[in-house]
Amino acid sequence: MRIFGKYVTSRQLILSATGLVLLASTTYDVHRSIKNNQTPPSQEQLQALQDYVNSHRRFP
């Protein structure tokens, strides 16, 4: 197959498509994480986290 005047194999196309999917999913995940971290946690969430940490803490 010729693309832009150069011969390209199906393996090269699959590798390029896989790379684009990986890049798109990583970009989406980073954007989603930034969007979710824009609001600070509520007092209930902080208390639940503290309770969880205290319940799993190992004392010597």
Protein backbone atom coordinates (compact mmCIF):
# COMPACT_ATOMS: atom_id res chain seq x y z
CA MET A 1 0.00 0.00 0.00
CA ARG A 2 1.24 3.47 -0.80
CA ILE A 3 0.59 6.44 1.47
CA PHE A 4 2.07 9.83 0.54
CA GLY A 5 4.12 8.12 -2.15
CA LYS A 6 5.84 5.69 0.25
CA TYR A 7 5.21 1.99 0.63
CA VAL A 8 3.68 1.14 4.02
CA THR A 9 3.08 -2.36 5.33
CA SER A 10 0.07 -3.47 7.35
CA ARG A 11 2.33 -4.04 10.36
CA GLN A 12 3.42 -0.39 10.24
CA LEU A 13 -0.21 0.72 10.06
CA ILE A 14 -1.19 -1.42 13.05
CA LEU A 15 1.77 -0.14 15.06
CA SER A 16 0.92 3.47 14.23
CA ALA A 17 -2.75 2.98 15.12
CA THR A 18 -1.79 1.35 18.43
CA GLY A 19 0.50 4.27 19.23
CA LEU A 20 -2.26 6.76 18.49
CA VAL A 21 -4.72 4.89 20.71
CA LEU A 22 -2.18 4.81 23.54
CA LEU A 23 -1.49 8.54 23.18
CA ALA A 24 -5.20 9.38 23.08
CA SER A 25 -6.04 7.28 26.15
CA THR A 26 -3.14 8.74 28.14
CA THR A 27 -4.13 12.28 27.19
CA TYR A 28 -7.75 11.61 28.16
CA ASP A 29 -6.71 10.10 31.52
CA VAL A 30 -4.49 13.07 32.38
CA HIS A 31 -7.24 15.53 31.43
CA ARG A 32 -9.79 13.60 33.52
CA SER A 33 -7.45 13.53 36.54
CA ILE A 34 -6.81 17.27 36.33
CA LYS A 35 -10.54 17.98 36.02
CA ASN A 36 -11.38 15.77 39.03
CA ASN A 37 -8.69 17.39 41.20
CA GLN A 38 -9.93 20.95 40.70
CA THR A 39 -12.39 20.71 43.58
CA PRO A 40 -11.03 20.20 47.09
CA PRO A 41 -12.22 17.20 49.11
CA SER A 42 -15.16 17.68 51.45
CA GLN A 43 -14.90 17.29 55.22
CA GLU A 44 -16.74 13.96 55.00
CA GLN A 45 -14.22 12.66 52.46
CA LEU A 46 -11.29 13.79 54.61
CA GLN A 47 -12.80 12.15 57.69
CA ALA A 48 -13.45 8.90 55.79
CA LEU A 49 -9.85 8.88 54.57
CA GLN A 50 -8.53 9.50 58.07
CA ASP A 51 -10.73 6.71 59.47
CA TYR A 52 -9.43 4.35 56.78
CA VAL A 53 -5.80 5.23 57.50
CA ASN A 54 -6.31 4.81 61.24
CA SER A 55 -8.02 1.42 60.79
CA HIS A 56 -5.13 0.07 58.66
CA ARG A 57 -2.26 1.51 60.65
CA ARG A 58 -0.01 -1.07 62.26
CA PHE A 59 1.18 -0.36 65.71
CA PRO A 60 4.49 -1.96 66.83
